[in-house]
Amino acid sequence: NESSEVAGARIQLACTLQTLGQHDEALENLNGAYETYLRLHGPDCVDEGAATALSNMSAINLDLGRIDAAVSQAEKALDIRRRLSGPVNHQMAVQLQNIAKMYFQQGMLEEAQAQFEEALGIIRQVHPERNSSEGMILHGIGCIYRDQGKLDEAMTMMKKGHQILRKTLGPESRESGHVLNDLGTLLARMGKYEEALEKLEQTLKIRRAANGEQSDKVVQTLFNMAKCLELMGDTAGSQERLREAYGICVANGSSESDTAQQIAACIAAV
């Protein structure tokens, strides 16, 4: 049982278990694989298999809301990959981007920005042509500026990111819709309600096609549209979007979710 082949097989098994939603069993196999690599190569293990096990554990813990564990595992995986292949490669940029997202979720904005900017520098070296990763990183930096109250800088970054995603993945892609949604909410925050609503209407069209008519992304966009319409004084239009969003939550069996309860409260408040 103490071989790289067995450890690799456990990582593959963990991927299948994760797909089936068996997160604890997946983590158990990934941790077992990682410990095998440590026994084979010592505590200062430099092996891609160990980095893969750590990265996958990090992704699962992130999905489960275990942010501290996710960050720690991602940082260990990043250190191994730096020593394996050097700092300038696509995988390194992806790892940095993932860590930046975790920092962002924890409200560690300066740390997140530093990781995003390092990832951006690598992506531009590895891919002199435009790359979708560059678009998503620029969007991430834009979100940091937004949360810091630097709204004009946030708008500039998000627009650049959206432009790259339109060119690399297409204007109807999920990623383009994601950034467009955030552009809409940012415009609303800046008081530019008509422009905001236009962006959100575009987002809704994309998400209905790319994510599905009854996806949580459609619910999110309808809710954002409702808030924008309310600020514009269109209570009837706002209520229409809220009721559609709540209807999707009911149809999906998620009427008890935090989002559904928030929507229901907005409907009842009128």
Protein backbone atom coordinates (compact mmCIF):
# COMPACT_ATOMS: atom_id res chain seq x y z
CA ASN A 1 0.00 0.00 0.00
CA GLU A 2 3.03 2.32 0.31
CA SER A 3 3.53 3.23 -3.34
CA SER A 4 2.99 6.22 -5.58
CA GLU A 5 0.70 4.10 -7.75
CA VAL A 6 -1.63 3.35 -4.83
CA ALA A 7 -1.58 7.00 -3.76
CA GLY A 8 -2.45 8.05 -7.31
CA ALA A 9 -5.31 5.55 -7.41
CA ARG A 10 -6.69 7.00 -4.16
CA ILE A 11 -6.62 10.50 -5.72
CA GLN A 12 -8.60 9.20 -8.71
CA LEU A 13 -11.07 7.49 -6.39
CA ALA A 14 -11.44 10.74 -4.44
CA CYS A 15 -12.34 12.59 -7.65
CA THR A 16 -15.15 10.10 -8.29
CA LEU A 17 -16.38 10.35 -4.70
CA GLN A 18 -16.36 14.14 -4.89
CA THR A 19 -18.45 14.03 -8.07
CA LEU A 20 -20.95 11.83 -6.19
CA GLY A 21 -21.10 14.36 -3.36
CA GLN A 22 -19.32 12.05 -0.88
CA HIS A 23 -17.00 14.77 0.40
CA ASP A 24 -15.86 13.16 3.65
CA GLU A 25 -14.91 9.94 1.89
CA ALA A 26 -13.09 11.92 -0.80
CA LEU A 27 -11.14 13.86 1.83
CA GLU A 28 -10.23 10.64 3.62
CA ASN A 29 -8.73 9.17 0.44
CA LEU A 30 -6.92 12.39 -0.47
CA ASN A 31 -5.43 12.69 3.00
CA GLY A 32 -4.38 9.04 2.85
CA ALA A 33 -2.71 9.64 -0.52
CA TYR A 34 -0.91 12.73 0.79
CA GLU A 35 0.36 10.87 3.87
CA THR A 36 1.65 8.09 1.59
CA TYR A 37 3.70 10.63 -0.38
CA LEU A 38 5.09 12.01 2.89
CA ARG A 39 6.17 8.55 4.02
CA LEU A 40 7.73 7.84 0.63
CA HIS A 41 9.55 11.16 0.20
CA GLY A 42 9.87 12.59 3.70
CA PRO A 43 8.29 15.64 5.35
CA ASP A 44 9.89 17.97 2.78
CA CYS A 45 8.11 16.09 0.00
CA VAL A 46 8.37 17.63 -3.50
CA ASP A 47 6.06 15.52 -5.65
CA GLU A 48 3.29 16.52 -8.07
CA GLY A 49 1.06 13.80 -6.64
CA ALA A 50 1.31 15.36 -3.19
CA ALA A 51 0.53 18.79 -4.65
CA THR A 52 -2.50 17.36 -6.47
CA ALA A 53 -3.82 15.73 -3.30
CA LEU A 54 -3.43 19.00 -1.40
CA SER A 55 -5.07 21.04 -4.17
CA ASN A 56 -8.04 18.68 -4.33
CA MET A 57 -8.44 18.70 -0.54
CA SER A 58 -8.35 22.48 -0.66
CA ALA A 59 -11.09 22.61 -3.29
CA ILE A 60 -13.38 20.32 -1.27
CA ASN A 61 -12.82 22.20 1.97
CA LEU A 62 -13.53 25.46 0.16
CA ASP A 63 -16.86 24.06 -1.06
CA LEU A 64 -17.65 22.99 2.51
CA GLY A 65 -16.86 26.45 3.87
CA ARG A 66 -13.72 25.32 5.71
CA ILE A 67 -11.72 28.30 4.53
CA ASP A 68 -8.76 28.05 6.92
CA ALA A 69 -8.06 24.43 5.96
CA ALA A 70 -8.56 25.23 2.27
CA VAL A 71 -6.05 28.11 2.37
CA SER A 72 -3.46 26.10 4.29
CA GLN A 73 -3.64 23.18 1.85
CA ALA A 74 -3.54 25.45 -1.21
CA GLU A 75 -0.47 27.26 0.12
CA LYS A 76 1.33 23.93 0.69
CA ALA A 77 0.46 22.80 -2.84
CA LEU A 78 1.72 26.12 -4.21
CA ASP A 79 5.04 25.74 -2.38
CA ILE A 80 5.56 22.24 -3.79
CA ARG A 81 4.81 23.40 -7.34
CA ARG A 82 7.14 26.38 -7.04
CA ARG A 83 9.98 24.01 -6.15
CA LEU A 84 9.01 21.51 -8.84
CA SER A 85 8.62 23.70 -11.88
CA GLY A 86 9.59 27.24 -10.97
CA PRO A 87 7.36 30.27 -10.56
CA VAL A 88 6.39 30.92 -14.19
CA ASN A 89 3.86 28.45 -15.58
CA HIS A 90 0.11 28.30 -16.11
CA GLN A 91 -0.58 25.90 -13.24
CA MET A 92 1.22 28.21 -10.82
CA ALA A 93 -0.99 31.10 -11.93
CA VAL A 94 -4.12 28.98 -11.39
CA GLN A 95 -2.94 28.05 -7.89
CA LEU A 96 -2.28 31.70 -7.03
CA GLN A 97 -5.69 32.67 -8.39
CA ASN A 98 -7.39 30.04 -6.21
CA ILE A 99 -5.58 31.24 -3.10
CA ALA A 100 -6.52 34.83 -3.94
CA LYS A 101 -10.20 33.83 -4.07
CA MET A 102 -9.92 32.22 -0.64
CA TYR A 103 -8.28 35.29 0.84
CA PHE A 104 -11.03 37.40 -0.74
CA GLN A 105 -13.73 35.27 0.90
CA GLN A 106 -12.04 35.86 4.25
CA GLY A 107 -12.01 39.61 3.68
CA MET A 108 -8.20 39.64 3.40
CA LEU A 109 -8.26 42.07 0.49
CA GLU A 110 -4.61 43.14 0.41
CA GLU A 111 -3.42 39.53 0.54
CA ALA A 112 -5.89 38.58 -2.18
CA GLN A 113 -4.76 41.44 -4.41
CA ALA A 114 -1.10 40.44 -4.05
CA GLN A 115 -1.92 36.87 -5.17
CA PHE A 116 -4.07 38.06 -8.07
CA GLU A 117 -1.37 40.45 -9.28
CA GLU A 118 1.33 37.77 -9.14
CA ALA A 119 -0.98 35.42 -11.07
CA LEU A 120 -1.66 38.16 -13.62
CA GLY A 121 2.05 38.72 -14.22
CA ILE A 122 2.59 34.99 -14.79
CA ILE A 123 -0.38 34.64 -17.14
CA ARG A 124 0.84 37.55 -19.26
CA GLN A 125 4.29 35.94 -19.50
CA VAL A 126 3.01 32.47 -20.31
CA HIS A 127 0.25 33.68 -22.63
CA PRO A 128 1.34 36.86 -24.47
CA GLU A 129 -1.92 36.56 -26.39
CA ARG A 130 -5.17 37.23 -24.53
CA ASN A 131 -6.24 34.39 -22.25
CA SER A 132 -9.50 33.81 -20.35
CA SER A 133 -7.55 33.47 -17.09
CA GLU A 134 -6.38 37.05 -17.50
CA GLY A 135 -10.00 38.15 -17.82
CA MET A 136 -11.04 36.39 -14.63
CA ILE A 137 -8.04 37.73 -12.70
CA LEU A 138 -8.84 41.29 -13.76
CA HIS A 139 -12.40 40.71 -12.60
CA GLY A 140 -11.08 39.48 -9.25
CA ILE A 141 -8.97 42.62 -8.81
CA GLY A 142 -12.03 44.66 -9.75
CA CYS A 143 -14.02 42.98 -6.96
CA ILE A 144 -11.29 43.92 -4.48
CA TYR A 145 -11.38 47.56 -5.60
CA ARG A 146 -15.18 47.50 -5.30
CA ASP A 147 -15.03 46.24 -1.72
CA GLN A 148 -12.42 48.88 -0.92
CA GLY A 149 -14.79 51.56 -2.19
CA LYS A 150 -12.63 52.33 -5.24
CA LEU A 151 -15.57 52.14 -7.62
CA ASP A 152 -14.04 53.82 -10.68
CA GLU A 153 -10.97 51.57 -10.51
CA ALA A 154 -13.27 48.57 -10.03
CA MET A 155 -15.25 49.52 -13.13
CA THR A 156 -12.08 49.84 -15.22
CA MET A 157 -10.81 46.40 -14.18
CA MET A 158 -14.15 44.66 -14.64
CA LYS A 159 -14.66 46.16 -18.09
CA LYS A 160 -11.19 45.01 -19.16
CA GLY A 161 -11.87 41.54 -17.80
CA HIS A 162 -15.25 41.35 -19.53
CA GLN A 163 -13.76 42.46 -22.85
CA ILE A 164 -11.12 39.71 -22.70
CA LEU A 165 -13.70 37.05 -21.76
CA ARG A 166 -15.96 38.10 -24.64
CA LYS A 167 -13.06 37.65 -27.05
CA THR A 168 -11.67 34.41 -25.62
CA LEU A 169 -14.75 32.49 -24.45
CA GLY A 170 -17.53 34.31 -26.29
CA PRO A 171 -20.14 36.88 -25.24
CA GLU A 172 -22.65 34.17 -24.22
CA SER A 173 -20.29 32.21 -21.94
CA ARG A 174 -20.99 31.66 -18.24
CA GLU A 175 -17.84 33.57 -17.35
CA SER A 176 -18.89 36.58 -19.43
CA GLY A 177 -22.30 36.48 -17.75
CA HIS A 178 -20.71 36.33 -14.31
CA VAL A 179 -18.61 39.45 -14.89
CA LEU A 180 -21.51 41.23 -16.59
CA ASN A 181 -23.67 40.59 -13.50
CA ASP A 182 -21.04 42.20 -11.27
CA LEU A 183 -20.75 45.14 -13.67
CA GLY A 184 -24.50 45.63 -13.34
CA THR A 185 -24.49 45.61 -9.55
CA LEU A 186 -21.48 47.95 -9.53
CA LEU A 187 -23.27 50.42 -11.81
CA ALA A 188 -26.29 50.31 -9.49
CA ARG A 189 -24.04 51.03 -6.53
CA MET A 190 -22.73 54.05 -8.45
CA GLY A 191 -26.30 55.27 -8.98
CA LYS A 192 -26.32 54.53 -12.71
CA TYR A 193 -29.54 52.52 -12.55
CA GLU A 194 -30.53 52.48 -16.23
CA GLU A 195 -27.07 51.28 -17.30
CA ALA A 196 -27.12 48.76 -14.48
CA LEU A 197 -30.50 47.36 -15.52
CA GLU A 198 -29.31 47.03 -19.12
CA LYS A 199 -26.30 44.97 -18.00
CA LEU A 200 -28.45 42.81 -15.74
CA GLU A 201 -30.96 42.14 -18.52
CA GLN A 202 -28.06 40.98 -20.71
CA THR A 203 -26.83 38.83 -17.84
CA LEU A 204 -30.24 37.23 -17.38
CA LYS A 205 -30.42 36.26 -21.06
CA ILE A 206 -26.96 34.69 -20.90
CA ARG A 207 -27.63 32.84 -17.67
CA ARG A 208 -30.98 31.45 -18.79
CA ALA A 209 -29.19 29.90 -21.79
CA ALA A 210 -25.86 28.94 -20.19
CA ASN A 211 -26.90 27.95 -16.65
CA GLY A 212 -30.51 26.88 -17.15
CA GLU A 213 -33.88 28.59 -16.68
CA GLN A 214 -34.14 27.51 -13.04
CA SER A 215 -30.54 27.88 -11.92
CA ASP A 216 -29.43 29.73 -8.81
CA LYS A 217 -27.58 32.15 -11.11
CA VAL A 218 -30.88 33.15 -12.71
CA VAL A 219 -32.34 33.67 -9.22
CA GLN A 220 -29.37 35.85 -8.28
CA THR A 221 -29.74 38.00 -11.40
CA LEU A 222 -33.50 38.41 -10.97
CA PHE A 223 -32.91 39.52 -7.39
CA ASN A 224 -30.29 42.04 -8.49
CA MET A 225 -32.70 43.36 -11.12
CA ALA A 226 -35.44 43.67 -8.51
CA LYS A 227 -33.21 45.73 -6.23
CA CYS A 228 -32.23 47.99 -9.13
CA LEU A 229 -35.86 48.51 -10.20
CA GLU A 230 -36.82 49.32 -6.61
CA LEU A 231 -34.17 52.02 -6.50
CA MET A 232 -35.55 53.37 -9.77
CA GLY A 233 -39.01 53.63 -8.18
CA ASP A 234 -40.51 50.79 -10.22
CA THR A 235 -42.07 48.76 -7.41
CA ALA A 236 -44.30 46.72 -9.73
CA GLY A 237 -41.34 45.70 -11.89
CA SER A 238 -39.30 44.87 -8.81
CA GLN A 239 -42.07 42.66 -7.39
CA GLU A 240 -42.43 40.85 -10.72
CA ARG A 241 -38.73 39.88 -10.68
CA LEU A 242 -38.89 38.90 -7.00
CA ARG A 243 -41.88 36.63 -7.52
CA GLU A 244 -40.23 34.93 -10.48
CA ALA A 245 -37.06 34.40 -8.45
CA TYR A 246 -39.01 32.97 -5.51
CA GLY A 247 -40.98 30.70 -7.83
CA ILE A 248 -37.72 29.21 -9.09
CA CYS A 249 -36.58 28.61 -5.50
CA VAL A 250 -39.83 26.79 -4.73
CA ALA A 251 -39.57 24.71 -7.91
CA ASN A 252 -35.99 23.78 -7.01
CA GLY A 253 -36.93 22.79 -3.47
CA SER A 254 -34.78 25.57 -2.03
CA SER A 255 -37.54 27.73 -0.54
CA GLU A 256 -35.89 27.48 2.90
CA SER A 257 -32.52 28.75 1.68
CA ASP A 258 -31.15 32.07 2.88
CA THR A 259 -31.59 33.56 -0.59
CA ALA A 260 -35.22 32.44 -0.83
CA GLN A 261 -35.99 33.79 2.63
CA GLN A 262 -34.43 37.12 1.71
CA ILE A 263 -36.53 37.29 -1.45
CA ALA A 264 -39.69 36.38 0.48
CA ALA A 265 -38.97 39.13 3.00
CA CYS A 266 -38.64 41.68 0.19
CA ILE A 267 -41.97 40.56 -1.29
CA ALA A 268 -43.70 40.77 2.09
CA ALA A 269 -42.25 44.21 2.83
CA VAL A 270 -44.26 45.88 0.05
